[in-house]
Amino acid sequence: MLFRIDPTSGDPLYAQLAAQVRTAVAHDELRPGERLPSARDLAASLDVNLHTVLHAYQELRDEGVIELRRGRGAVVTGSGAPDLTDLHAAVDALVVAARRLRVAPETVTALVKEALR
């Protein structure tokens, strides 16, 4: 899996990393039992602080998406990947409606974030 961060984004770097793992798990790009890069390796490859990666991994651990195992690192669990079929359909419908109404992606994102609070 290739991780990317956007330092200009309003989202914290750890949140960007955690979101990428969640998305990969939801799309079956990461499967149960797969290992994530070590926190040190990932921090070095992205040129970010080690604690940034650890924060993302701890958040994912707390959500049950990964397990942190001494000596084995971060491993994807089977419990963090619910069936998102209905959610994908709703997102597709939202995208269709937003395009029909010519609403900017940033506006749609802001509306979704507000609705999730």
PDB file of N, CA and C in Angstrom:
ATOM      1  N   MET A   1       0.851  -1.174   0.000  1.00  0.00           N
ATOM      2  CA  MET A   1       0.000   0.000   0.000  1.00  0.00           C
ATOM      3  C   MET A   1       0.892   1.230   0.000  1.00  0.00           C
ATOM      4  N   LEU A   2       0.528   2.190  -0.819  1.00  0.00           N
ATOM      5  CA  LEU A   2       1.278   3.436  -0.916  1.00  0.00           C
ATOM      6  C   LEU A   2       0.562   4.513  -0.104  1.00  0.00           C
ATOM      7  N   PHE A   3       1.247   5.059   0.871  1.00  0.00           N
ATOM      8  CA  PHE A   3       0.681   6.110   1.701  1.00  0.00           C
ATOM      9  C   PHE A   3       1.083   7.462   1.136  1.00  0.00           C
ATOM     10  N   ARG A   4       0.151   8.402   1.204  1.00  0.00           N
ATOM     11  CA  ARG A   4       0.419   9.773   0.782  1.00  0.00           C
ATOM     12  C   ARG A   4      -0.172  10.718   1.809  1.00  0.00           C
ATOM     13  N   ILE A   5       0.515  11.808   2.018  1.00  0.00           N
ATOM     14  CA  ILE A   5      -0.009  12.843   2.903  1.00  0.00           C
ATOM     15  C   ILE A   5       0.004  14.163   2.164  1.00  0.00           C
ATOM     16  N   ASP A   6      -0.899  15.027   2.561  1.00  0.00           N
ATOM     17  CA  ASP A   6      -0.988  16.366   1.987  1.00  0.00           C
ATOM     18  C   ASP A   6      -0.759  17.364   3.112  1.00  0.00           C
ATOM     19  N   PRO A   7       0.464  17.922   3.188  1.00  0.00           N
ATOM     20  CA  PRO A   7       0.749  18.856   4.282  1.00  0.00           C
ATOM     21  C   PRO A   7      -0.083  20.128   4.217  1.00  0.00           C
ATOM     22  N   THR A   8      -0.695  20.422   3.080  1.00  0.00           N
ATOM     23  CA  THR A   8      -1.513  21.630   2.958  1.00  0.00           C
ATOM     24  C   THR A   8      -2.967  21.388   3.356  1.00  0.00           C
ATOM     25  N   SER A   9      -3.314  20.140   3.596  1.00  0.00           N
ATOM     26  CA  SER A   9      -4.684  19.800   3.982  1.00  0.00           C
ATOM     27  C   SER A   9      -4.984  20.323   5.376  1.00  0.00           C
ATOM     28  N   GLY A  10      -6.243  20.587   5.625  1.00  0.00           N
ATOM     29  CA  GLY A  10      -6.668  21.011   6.957  1.00  0.00           C
ATOM     30  C   GLY A  10      -6.715  19.858   7.938  1.00  0.00           C
ATOM     31  N   ASP A  11      -6.649  18.625   7.434  1.00  0.00           N
ATOM     32  CA  ASP A  11      -6.690  17.450   8.296  1.00  0.00           C
ATOM     33  C   ASP A  11      -5.299  17.162   8.850  1.00  0.00           C
ATOM     34  N   PRO A  12      -5.208  16.787  10.123  1.00  0.00           N
ATOM     35  CA  PRO A  12      -3.898  16.438  10.687  1.00  0.00           C
ATOM     36  C   PRO A  12      -3.284  15.260   9.927  1.00  0.00           C
ATOM     37  N   LEU A  13      -1.957  15.203   9.932  1.00  0.00           N
ATOM     38  CA  LEU A  13      -1.262  14.150   9.192  1.00  0.00           C
ATOM     39  C   LEU A  13      -1.638  12.764   9.695  1.00  0.00           C
ATOM     40  N   TYR A  14      -1.749  12.590  11.020  1.00  0.00           N
ATOM     41  CA  TYR A  14      -2.106  11.271  11.553  1.00  0.00           C
ATOM     42  C   TYR A  14      -3.500  10.858  11.081  1.00  0.00           C
ATOM     43  N   ALA A  15      -4.417  11.825  10.993  1.00  0.00           N
ATOM     44  CA  ALA A  15      -5.779  11.522  10.547  1.00  0.00           C
ATOM     45  C   ALA A  15      -5.783  11.120   9.074  1.00  0.00           C
ATOM     46  N   GLN A  16      -4.934  11.751   8.272  1.00  0.00           N
ATOM     47  CA  GLN A  16      -4.829  11.381   6.863  1.00  0.00           C
ATOM     48  C   GLN A  16      -4.340   9.937   6.721  1.00  0.00           C
ATOM     49  N   LEU A  17      -3.347   9.571   7.519  1.00  0.00           N
ATOM     50  CA  LEU A  17      -2.822   8.201   7.459  1.00  0.00           C
ATOM     51  C   LEU A  17      -3.876   7.187   7.899  1.00  0.00           C
ATOM     52  N   ALA A  18      -4.542   7.470   9.005  1.00  0.00           N
ATOM     53  CA  ALA A  18      -5.567   6.564   9.509  1.00  0.00           C
ATOM     54  C   ALA A  18      -6.701   6.409   8.502  1.00  0.00           C
ATOM     55  N   ALA A  19      -7.099   7.509   7.870  1.00  0.00           N
ATOM     56  CA  ALA A  19      -8.178   7.457   6.878  1.00  0.00           C
ATOM     57  C   ALA A  19      -7.785   6.587   5.687  1.00  0.00           C
ATOM     58  N   GLN A  20      -6.531   6.649   5.284  1.00  0.00           N
ATOM     59  CA  GLN A  20      -6.078   5.833   4.156  1.00  0.00           C
ATOM     60  C   GLN A  20      -6.144   4.343   4.489  1.00  0.00           C
ATOM     61  N   VAL A  21      -5.791   3.992   5.718  1.00  0.00           N
ATOM     62  CA  VAL A  21      -5.875   2.587   6.122  1.00  0.00           C
ATOM     63  C   VAL A  21      -7.336   2.150   6.175  1.00  0.00           C
ATOM     64  N   ARG A  22      -8.202   2.981   6.773  1.00  0.00           N
ATOM     65  CA  ARG A  22      -9.630   2.637   6.840  1.00  0.00           C
ATOM     66  C   ARG A  22     -10.201   2.415   5.443  1.00  0.00           C
ATOM     67  N   THR A  23      -9.855   3.308   4.520  1.00  0.00           N
ATOM     68  CA  THR A  23     -10.359   3.204   3.148  1.00  0.00           C
ATOM     69  C   THR A  23      -9.848   1.928   2.483  1.00  0.00           C
ATOM     70  N   ALA A  24      -8.570   1.632   2.664  1.00  0.00           N
ATOM     71  CA  ALA A  24      -8.001   0.425   2.064  1.00  0.00           C
ATOM     72  C   ALA A  24      -8.662  -0.834   2.619  1.00  0.00           C
ATOM     73  N   VAL A  25      -8.955  -0.847   3.916  1.00  0.00           N
ATOM     74  CA  VAL A  25      -9.635  -1.991   4.522  1.00  0.00           C
ATOM     75  C   VAL A  25     -11.062  -2.095   3.973  1.00  0.00           C
ATOM     76  N   ALA A  26     -11.744  -0.970   3.864  1.00  0.00           N
ATOM     77  CA  ALA A  26     -13.122  -0.975   3.366  1.00  0.00           C
ATOM     78  C   ALA A  26     -13.206  -1.443   1.918  1.00  0.00           C
ATOM     79  N   HIS A  27     -12.175  -1.175   1.130  1.00  0.00           N
ATOM     80  CA  HIS A  27     -12.163  -1.578  -0.282  1.00  0.00           C
ATOM     81  C   HIS A  27     -11.435  -2.893  -0.506  1.00  0.00           C
ATOM     82  N   ASP A  28     -11.151  -3.623   0.558  1.00  0.00           N
ATOM     83  CA  ASP A  28     -10.440  -4.907   0.493  1.00  0.00           C
ATOM     84  C   ASP A  28      -9.056  -4.803  -0.136  1.00  0.00           C
ATOM     85  N   GLU A  29      -8.456  -3.620  -0.082  1.00  0.00           N
ATOM     86  CA  GLU A  29      -7.077  -3.473  -0.546  1.00  0.00           C
ATOM     87  C   GLU A  29      -6.119  -3.948   0.545  1.00  0.00           C
ATOM     88  N   LEU A  30      -6.568  -3.890   1.775  1.00  0.00           N
ATOM     89  CA  LEU A  30      -5.853  -4.468   2.916  1.00  0.00           C
ATOM     90  C   LEU A  30      -6.779  -5.504   3.525  1.00  0.00           C
ATOM     91  N   ARG A  31      -6.273  -6.700   3.707  1.00  0.00           N
ATOM     92  CA  ARG A  31      -7.094  -7.795   4.225  1.00  0.00           C
ATOM     93  C   ARG A  31      -6.617  -8.211   5.614  1.00  0.00           C
ATOM     94  N   PRO A  32      -7.487  -8.871   6.360  1.00  0.00           N
ATOM     95  CA  PRO A  32      -7.094  -9.338   7.690  1.00  0.00           C
ATOM     96  C   PRO A  32      -5.804 -10.152   7.629  1.00  0.00           C
ATOM     97  N   GLY A  33      -4.912  -9.854   8.573  1.00  0.00           N
ATOM     98  CA  GLY A  33      -3.639 -10.556   8.643  1.00  0.00           C
ATOM     99  C   GLY A  33      -2.502  -9.837   7.939  1.00  0.00           C
ATOM    100  N   GLU A  34      -2.820  -8.882   7.074  1.00  0.00           N
ATOM    101  CA  GLU A  34      -1.759  -8.145   6.388  1.00  0.00           C
ATOM    102  C   GLU A  34      -1.084  -7.182   7.343  1.00  0.00           C
ATOM    103  N   ARG A  35       0.209  -7.036   7.139  1.00  0.00           N
ATOM    104  CA  ARG A  35       1.000  -6.156   8.000  1.00  0.00           C
ATOM    105  C   ARG A  35       1.147  -4.791   7.345  1.00  0.00           C
ATOM    106  N   LEU A  36       1.086  -3.774   8.172  1.00  0.00           N
ATOM    107  CA  LEU A  36       1.379  -2.413   7.730  1.00  0.00           C
ATOM    108  C   LEU A  36       2.872  -2.178   7.921  1.00  0.00           C
ATOM    109  N   PRO A  37       3.422  -1.176   7.253  1.00  0.00           N
ATOM    110  CA  PRO A  37       4.845  -0.873   7.464  1.00  0.00           C
ATOM    111  C   PRO A  37       5.090  -0.519   8.927  1.00  0.00           C
ATOM    112  N   SER A  38       6.307  -0.767   9.374  1.00  0.00           N
ATOM    113  CA  SER A  38       6.634  -0.366  10.740  1.00  0.00           C
ATOM    114  C   SER A  38       6.480   1.147  10.839  1.00  0.00           C
ATOM    115  N   ALA A  39       6.184   1.604  12.031  1.00  0.00           N
ATOM    116  CA  ALA A  39       5.996   3.042  12.243  1.00  0.00           C
ATOM    117  C   ALA A  39       7.257   3.813  11.852  1.00  0.00           C
ATOM    118  N   ARG A  40       8.413   3.263  12.177  1.00  0.00           N
ATOM    119  CA  ARG A  40       9.675   3.927  11.817  1.00  0.00           C
ATOM    120  C   ARG A  40       9.860   4.022  10.311  1.00  0.00           C
ATOM    121  N   ASP A  41       9.608   2.917   9.625  1.00  0.00           N
ATOM    122  CA  ASP A  41       9.779   2.912   8.167  1.00  0.00           C
ATOM    123  C   ASP A  41       8.809   3.870   7.495  1.00  0.00           C
ATOM    124  N   LEU A  42       7.554   3.855   7.947  1.00  0.00           N
ATOM    125  CA  LEU A  42       6.557   4.725   7.344  1.00  0.00           C
ATOM    126  C   LEU A  42       6.873   6.192   7.620  1.00  0.00           C
ATOM    127  N   ALA A  43       7.275   6.494   8.836  1.00  0.00           N
ATOM    128  CA  ALA A  43       7.638   7.875   9.178  1.00  0.00           C
ATOM    129  C   ALA A  43       8.809   8.347   8.318  1.00  0.00           C
ATOM    130  N   ALA A  44       9.793   7.481   8.139  1.00  0.00           N
ATOM    131  CA  ALA A  44      10.957   7.851   7.328  1.00  0.00           C
ATOM    132  C   ALA A  44      10.573   8.042   5.867  1.00  0.00           C
ATOM    133  N   SER A  45       9.733   7.162   5.338  1.00  0.00           N
ATOM    134  CA  SER A  45       9.370   7.265   3.920  1.00  0.00           C
ATOM    135  C   SER A  45       8.515   8.489   3.626  1.00  0.00           C
ATOM    136  N   LEU A  46       7.730   8.927   4.613  1.00  0.00           N
ATOM    137  CA  LEU A  46       6.870  10.101   4.427  1.00  0.00           C
ATOM    138  C   LEU A  46       7.518  11.379   4.944  1.00  0.00           C
ATOM    139  N   ASP A  47       8.667  11.238   5.572  1.00  0.00           N
ATOM    140  CA  ASP A  47       9.376  12.364   6.165  1.00  0.00           C
ATOM    141  C   ASP A  47       8.498  13.088   7.190  1.00  0.00           C
ATOM    142  N   VAL A  48       7.898  12.282   8.088  1.00  0.00           N
ATOM    143  CA  VAL A  48       7.095  12.830   9.180  1.00  0.00           C
ATOM    144  C   VAL A  48       7.652  12.293  10.493  1.00  0.00           C
ATOM    145  N   ASN A  49       7.222  12.881  11.576  1.00  0.00           N
ATOM    146  CA  ASN A  49       7.639  12.469  12.901  1.00  0.00           C
ATOM    147  C   ASN A  49       7.093  11.075  13.201  1.00  0.00           C
ATOM    148  N   LEU A  50       7.894  10.269  13.869  1.00  0.00           N
ATOM    149  CA  LEU A  50       7.490   8.923  14.255  1.00  0.00           C
ATOM    150  C   LEU A  50       6.187   8.945  15.054  1.00  0.00           C
ATOM    151  N   HIS A  51       6.026   9.949  15.918  1.00  0.00           N
ATOM    152  CA  HIS A  51       4.827  10.025  16.762  1.00  0.00           C
ATOM    153  C   HIS A  51       3.562  10.279  15.940  1.00  0.00           C
ATOM    154  N   THR A  52       3.698  10.872  14.784  1.00  0.00           N
ATOM    155  CA  THR A  52       2.551  11.069  13.894  1.00  0.00           C
ATOM    156  C   THR A  52       2.007   9.718  13.444  1.00  0.00           C
ATOM    157  N   VAL A  53       2.901   8.844  13.014  1.00  0.00           N
ATOM    158  CA  VAL A  53       2.495   7.507  12.569  1.00  0.00           C
ATOM    159  C   VAL A  53       1.963   6.703  13.748  1.00  0.00           C
ATOM    160  N   LEU A  54       2.640   6.779  14.876  1.00  0.00           N
ATOM    161  CA  LEU A  54       2.175   6.049  16.058  1.00  0.00           C
ATOM    162  C   LEU A  54       0.785   6.501  16.477  1.00  0.00           C
ATOM    163  N   HIS A  55       0.510   7.799  16.371  1.00  0.00           N
ATOM    164  CA  HIS A  55      -0.815   8.322  16.714  1.00  0.00           C
ATOM    165  C   HIS A  55      -1.865   7.701  15.787  1.00  0.00           C
ATOM    166  N   ALA A  56      -1.574   7.648  14.498  1.00  0.00           N
ATOM    167  CA  ALA A  56      -2.507   7.044  13.537  1.00  0.00           C
ATOM    168  C   ALA A  56      -2.723   5.566  13.871  1.00  0.00           C
ATOM    169  N   TYR A  57      -1.642   4.842  14.121  1.00  0.00           N
ATOM    170  CA  TYR A  57      -1.748   3.418  14.435  1.00  0.00           C
ATOM    171  C   TYR A  57      -2.529   3.193  15.727  1.00  0.00           C
ATOM    172  N   GLN A  58      -2.312   4.038  16.730  1.00  0.00           N
ATOM    173  CA  GLN A  58      -3.042   3.881  17.993  1.00  0.00           C
ATOM    174  C   GLN A  58      -4.540   4.143  17.802  1.00  0.00           C
ATOM    175  N   GLU A  59      -4.861   5.134  16.984  1.00  0.00           N
ATOM    176  CA  GLU A  59      -6.278   5.411  16.697  1.00  0.00           C
ATOM    177  C   GLU A  59      -6.914   4.209  16.001  1.00  0.00           C
ATOM    178  N   LEU A  60      -6.222   3.646  15.032  1.00  0.00           N
ATOM    179  CA  LEU A  60      -6.739   2.476  14.315  1.00  0.00           C
ATOM    180  C   LEU A  60      -6.857   1.267  15.241  1.00  0.00           C
ATOM    181  N   ARG A  61      -5.903   1.135  16.170  1.00  0.00           N
ATOM    182  CA  ARG A  61      -5.979   0.055  17.152  1.00  0.00           C
ATOM    183  C   ARG A  61      -7.205   0.228  18.039  1.00  0.00           C
ATOM    184  N   ASP A  62      -7.440   1.450  18.499  1.00  0.00           N
ATOM    185  CA  ASP A  62      -8.576   1.719  19.376  1.00  0.00           C
ATOM    186  C   ASP A  62      -9.902   1.444  18.678  1.00  0.00           C
ATOM    187  N   GLU A  63      -9.944   1.614  17.362  1.00  0.00           N
ATOM    188  CA  GLU A  63     -11.153   1.350  16.579  1.00  0.00           C
ATOM    189  C   GLU A  63     -11.297  -0.127  16.222  1.00  0.00           C
ATOM    190  N   GLY A  64     -10.256  -0.924  16.472  1.00  0.00           N
ATOM    191  CA  GLY A  64     -10.305  -2.345  16.143  1.00  0.00           C
ATOM    192  C   GLY A  64      -9.925  -2.652  14.705  1.00  0.00           C
ATOM    193  N   VAL A  65      -9.381  -1.692  13.992  1.00  0.00           N
ATOM    194  CA  VAL A  65      -9.007  -1.906  12.589  1.00  0.00           C
ATOM    195  C   VAL A  65      -7.686  -2.672  12.495  1.00  0.00           C
ATOM    196  N   ILE A  66      -6.769  -2.384  13.418  1.00  0.00           N
ATOM    197  CA  ILE A  66      -5.482  -3.088  13.438  1.00  0.00           C
ATOM    198  C   ILE A  66      -5.177  -3.556  14.849  1.00  0.00           C
ATOM    199  N   GLU A  67      -4.251  -4.492  14.935  1.00  0.00           N
ATOM    200  CA  GLU A  67      -3.685  -4.913  16.211  1.00  0.00           C
ATOM    201  C   GLU A  67      -2.227  -4.508  16.185  1.00  0.00           C
ATOM    202  N   LEU A  68      -1.733  -4.056  17.313  1.00  0.00           N
ATOM    203  CA  LEU A  68      -0.316  -3.740  17.432  1.00  0.00           C
ATOM    204  C   LEU A  68       0.324  -4.870  18.230  1.00  0.00           C
ATOM    205  N   ARG A  69       1.212  -5.611  17.561  1.00  0.00           N
ATOM    206  CA  ARG A  69       1.835  -6.772  18.190  1.00  0.00           C
ATOM    207  C   ARG A  69       3.324  -6.541  18.335  1.00  0.00           C
ATOM    208  N   ARG A  70       3.804  -6.757  19.507  1.00  0.00           N
ATOM    209  CA  ARG A  70       5.243  -6.599  19.767  1.00  0.00           C
ATOM    210  C   ARG A  70       6.016  -7.574  18.876  1.00  0.00           C
ATOM    211  N   GLY A  71       6.951  -7.041  18.139  1.00  0.00           N
ATOM    212  CA  GLY A  71       7.769  -7.863  17.260  1.00  0.00           C
ATOM    213  C   GLY A  71       7.176  -8.113  15.890  1.00  0.00           C
ATOM    214  N   ARG A  72       5.868  -7.923  15.737  1.00  0.00           N
ATOM    215  CA  ARG A  72       5.216  -8.141  14.444  1.00  0.00           C
ATOM    216  C   ARG A  72       4.676  -6.854  13.849  1.00  0.00           C
ATOM    217  N   GLY A  73       4.561  -5.822  14.665  1.00  0.00           N
ATOM    218  CA  GLY A  73       4.088  -4.537  14.165  1.00  0.00           C
ATOM    219  C   GLY A  73       2.582  -4.449  14.084  1.00  0.00           C
ATOM    220  N   ALA A  74       2.110  -3.653  13.138  1.00  0.00           N
ATOM    221  CA  ALA A  74       0.674  -3.405  12.967  1.00  0.00           C
ATOM    222  C   ALA A  74       0.101  -4.400  11.968  1.00  0.00           C
ATOM    223  N   VAL A  75      -0.935  -5.104  12.397  1.00  0.00           N
ATOM    224  CA  VAL A  75      -1.562  -6.135  11.579  1.00  0.00           C
ATOM    225  C   VAL A  75      -3.050  -5.830  11.461  1.00  0.00           C
ATOM    226  N   VAL A  76      -3.579  -5.907  10.249  1.00  0.00           N
ATOM    227  CA  VAL A  76      -5.002  -5.651  10.014  1.00  0.00           C
ATOM    228  C   VAL A  76      -5.824  -6.764  10.649  1.00  0.00           C
ATOM    229  N   THR A  77      -6.867  -6.374  11.380  1.00  0.00           N
ATOM    230  CA  THR A  77      -7.762  -7.355  12.005  1.00  0.00           C
ATOM    231  C   THR A  77      -8.935  -7.625  11.070  1.00  0.00           C
ATOM    232  N   GLY A  78      -9.737  -8.599  11.434  1.00  0.00           N
ATOM    233  CA  GLY A  78     -10.918  -8.896  10.640  1.00  0.00           C
ATOM    234  C   GLY A  78     -12.138  -8.130  11.109  1.00  0.00           C
ATOM    235  N   SER A  79     -12.047  -7.532  12.302  1.00  0.00           N
ATOM    236  CA  SER A  79     -13.235  -6.913  12.891  1.00  0.00           C
ATOM    237  C   SER A  79     -13.455  -5.479  12.462  1.00  0.00           C
ATOM    238  N   GLY A  80     -12.476  -4.845  11.837  1.00  0.00           N
ATOM    239  CA  GLY A  80     -12.615  -3.436  11.502  1.00  0.00           C
ATOM    240  C   GLY A  80     -13.208  -3.162  10.138  1.00  0.00           C
ATOM    241  N   ALA A  81     -13.694  -4.186   9.466  1.00  0.00           N
ATOM    242  CA  ALA A  81     -14.175  -4.003   8.099  1.00  0.00           C
ATOM    243  C   ALA A  81     -15.642  -4.414   7.961  1.00  0.00           C
ATOM    244  N   PRO A  82     -16.562  -3.553   8.357  1.00  0.00           N
ATOM    245  CA  PRO A  82     -17.973  -3.882   8.210  1.00  0.00           C
ATOM    246  C   PRO A  82     -18.382  -3.857   6.742  1.00  0.00           C
ATOM    247  N   ASP A  83     -19.517  -4.450   6.449  1.00  0.00           N
ATOM    248  CA  ASP A  83     -20.047  -4.430   5.083  1.00  0.00           C
ATOM    249  C   ASP A  83     -20.526  -3.015   4.768  1.00  0.00           C
ATOM    250  N   LEU A  84     -19.880  -2.385   3.814  1.00  0.00           N
ATOM    251  CA  LEU A  84     -20.183  -0.998   3.475  1.00  0.00           C
ATOM    252  C   LEU A  84     -20.974  -0.861   2.181  1.00  0.00           C
ATOM    253  N   THR A  85     -21.626  -1.923   1.744  1.00  0.00           N
ATOM    254  CA  THR A  85     -22.360  -1.897   0.488  1.00  0.00           C
ATOM    255  C   THR A  85     -23.402  -0.789   0.474  1.00  0.00           C
ATOM    256  N   ASP A  86     -24.203  -0.698   1.520  1.00  0.00           N
ATOM    257  CA  ASP A  86     -25.241   0.335   1.579  1.00  0.00           C
ATOM    258  C   ASP A  86     -24.632   1.731   1.608  1.00  0.00           C
ATOM    259  N   LEU A  87     -23.543   1.882   2.321  1.00  0.00           N
ATOM    260  CA  LEU A  87     -22.879   3.180   2.396  1.00  0.00           C
ATOM    261  C   LEU A  87     -22.316   3.587   1.039  1.00  0.00           C
ATOM    262  N   HIS A  88     -21.719   2.638   0.322  1.00  0.00           N
ATOM    263  CA  HIS A  88     -21.204   2.934  -1.023  1.00  0.00           C
ATOM    264  C   HIS A  88     -22.339   3.381  -1.946  1.00  0.00           C
ATOM    265  N   ALA A  89     -23.475   2.721  -1.848  1.00  0.00           N
ATOM    266  CA  ALA A  89     -24.626   3.102  -2.681  1.00  0.00           C
ATOM    267  C   ALA A  89     -25.097   4.512  -2.334  1.00  0.00           C
ATOM    268  N   ALA A  90     -25.115   4.837  -1.050  1.00  0.00           N
ATOM    269  CA  ALA A  90     -25.530   6.176  -0.631  1.00  0.00           C
ATOM    270  C   ALA A  90     -24.542   7.232  -1.110  1.00  0.00           C
ATOM    271  N   VAL A  91     -23.256   6.921  -1.044  1.00  0.00           N
ATOM    272  CA  VAL A  91     -22.237   7.861  -1.523  1.00  0.00           C
ATOM    273  C   VAL A  91     -22.383   8.062  -3.033  1.00  0.00           C
ATOM    274  N   ASP A  92     -22.600   6.976  -3.754  1.00  0.00           N
ATOM    275  CA  ASP A  92     -22.805   7.097  -5.204  1.00  0.00           C
ATOM    276  C   ASP A  92     -24.002   7.989  -5.515  1.00  0.00           C
ATOM    277  N   ALA A  93     -25.086   7.817  -4.764  1.00  0.00           N
ATOM    278  CA  ALA A  93     -26.277   8.652  -4.976  1.00  0.00           C
ATOM    279  C   ALA A  93     -25.981  10.113  -4.637  1.00  0.00           C
ATOM    280  N   LEU A  94     -25.212  10.337  -3.592  1.00  0.00           N
ATOM    281  CA  LEU A  94     -24.828  11.696  -3.216  1.00  0.00           C
ATOM    282  C   LEU A  94     -24.010  12.351  -4.327  1.00  0.00           C
ATOM    283  N   VAL A  95     -23.076  11.626  -4.891  1.00  0.00           N
ATOM    284  CA  VAL A  95     -22.238  12.152  -5.970  1.00  0.00           C
ATOM    285  C   VAL A  95     -23.084  12.498  -7.185  1.00  0.00           C
ATOM    286  N   VAL A  96     -24.003  11.631  -7.538  1.00  0.00           N
ATOM    287  CA  VAL A  96     -24.890  11.895  -8.675  1.00  0.00           C
ATOM    288  C   VAL A  96     -25.705  13.163  -8.430  1.00  0.00           C
ATOM    289  N   ALA A  97     -26.269  13.297  -7.234  1.00  0.00           N
ATOM    290  CA  ALA A  97     -27.067  14.484  -6.908  1.00  0.00           C
ATOM    291  C   ALA A  97     -26.209  15.746  -6.905  1.00  0.00           C
ATOM    292  N   ALA A  98     -25.010  15.664  -6.344  1.00  0.00           N
ATOM    293  CA  ALA A  98     -24.123  16.831  -6.298  1.00  0.00           C
ATOM    294  C   ALA A  98     -23.739  17.280  -7.706  1.00  0.00           C
ATOM    295  N   ARG A  99     -23.457  16.329  -8.581  1.00  0.00           N
ATOM    296  CA  ARG A  99     -23.109  16.688  -9.966  1.00  0.00           C
ATOM    297  C   ARG A  99     -24.300  17.281 -10.699  1.00  0.00           C
ATOM    298  N   ARG A 100     -25.471  16.713 -10.471  1.00  0.00           N
ATOM    299  CA  ARG A 100     -26.678  17.231 -11.117  1.00  0.00           C
ATOM    300  C   ARG A 100     -26.946  18.672 -10.688  1.00  0.00           C
ATOM    301  N   LEU A 101     -26.704  18.961  -9.419  1.00  0.00           N
ATOM    302  CA  LEU A 101     -26.927  20.303  -8.880  1.00  0.00           C
ATOM    303  C   LEU A 101     -25.712  21.219  -9.058  1.00  0.00           C
ATOM    304  N   ARG A 102     -24.632  20.658  -9.590  1.00  0.00           N
ATOM    305  CA  ARG A 102     -23.381  21.403  -9.808  1.00  0.00           C
ATOM    306  C   ARG A 102     -22.834  22.008  -8.506  1.00  0.00           C
ATOM    307  N   VAL A 103     -22.827  21.187  -7.484  1.00  0.00           N
ATOM    308  CA  VAL A 103     -22.289  21.594  -6.190  1.00  0.00           C
ATOM    309  C   VAL A 103     -20.815  21.214  -6.165  1.00  0.00           C
ATOM    310  N   ALA A 104     -19.976  22.130  -5.738  1.00  0.00           N
ATOM    311  CA  ALA A 104     -18.535  21.899  -5.692  1.00  0.00           C
ATOM    312  C   ALA A 104     -18.195  20.767  -4.722  1.00  0.00           C
ATOM    313  N   PRO A 105     -17.183  19.956  -5.057  1.00  0.00           N
ATOM    314  CA  PRO A 105     -16.788  18.858  -4.159  1.00  0.00           C
ATOM    315  C   PRO A 105     -16.466  19.335  -2.739  1.00  0.00           C
ATOM    316  N   GLU A 106     -15.866  20.500  -2.623  1.00  0.00           N
ATOM    317  CA  GLU A 106     -15.533  21.021  -1.299  1.00  0.00           C
ATOM    318  C   GLU A 106     -16.796  21.294  -0.479  1.00  0.00           C
ATOM    319  N   THR A 107     -17.832  21.748  -1.139  1.00  0.00           N
ATOM    320  CA  THR A 107     -19.099  22.010  -0.453  1.00  0.00           C
ATOM    321  C   THR A 107     -19.741  20.701  -0.008  1.00  0.00           C
ATOM    322  N   VAL A 108     -19.705  19.707  -0.876  1.00  0.00           N
ATOM    323  CA  VAL A 108     -20.271  18.402  -0.535  1.00  0.00           C
ATOM    324  C   VAL A 108     -19.514  17.816   0.661  1.00  0.00           C
ATOM    325  N   THR A 109     -18.192  17.892   0.619  1.00  0.00           N
ATOM    326  CA  THR A 109     -17.381  17.382   1.718  1.00  0.00           C
ATOM    327  C   THR A 109     -17.709  18.099   3.023  1.00  0.00           C
ATOM    328  N   ALA A 110     -17.839  19.414   2.960  1.00  0.00           N
ATOM    329  CA  ALA A 110     -18.169  20.189   4.158  1.00  0.00           C
ATOM    330  C   ALA A 110     -19.543  19.789   4.700  1.00  0.00           C
ATOM    331  N   LEU A 111     -20.500  19.584   3.814  1.00  0.00           N
ATOM    332  CA  LEU A 111     -21.842  19.175   4.247  1.00  0.00           C
ATOM    333  C   LEU A 111     -21.818  17.799   4.908  1.00  0.00           C
ATOM    334  N   VAL A 112     -21.065  16.884   4.335  1.00  0.00           N
ATOM    335  CA  VAL A 112     -20.980  15.536   4.911  1.00  0.00           C
ATOM    336  C   VAL A 112     -20.291  15.588   6.270  1.00  0.00           C
ATOM    337  N   LYS A 113     -19.205  16.325   6.361  1.00  0.00           N
ATOM    338  CA  LYS A 113     -18.504  16.441   7.655  1.00  0.00           C
ATOM    339  C   LYS A 113     -19.406  17.038   8.714  1.00  0.00           C
ATOM    340  N   GLU A 114     -20.164  18.042   8.337  1.00  0.00           N
ATOM    341  CA  GLU A 114     -21.082  18.670   9.297  1.00  0.00           C
ATOM    342  C   GLU A 114     -22.177  17.698   9.732  1.00  0.00           C
ATOM    343  N   ALA A 115     -22.689  16.919   8.781  1.00  0.00           N
ATOM    344  CA  ALA A 115     -23.739  15.973   9.106  1.00  0.00           C
ATOM    345  C   ALA A 115     -23.220  14.846  10.028  1.00  0.00           C
ATOM    346  N   LEU A 116     -21.945  14.530   9.935  1.00  0.00           N
ATOM    347  CA  LEU A 116     -21.375  13.467  10.756  1.00  0.00           C
ATOM    348  C   LEU A 116     -21.056  13.902  12.179  1.00  0.00           C
ATOM    349  N   ARG A 117     -21.112  15.180  12.453  1.00  0.00           N
ATOM    350  CA  ARG A 117     -20.797  15.656  13.814  1.00  0.00           C
ATOM    351  C   ARG A 117     -21.898  15.405  14.776  1.00  0.00           C
TER     352      ARG A 117
END
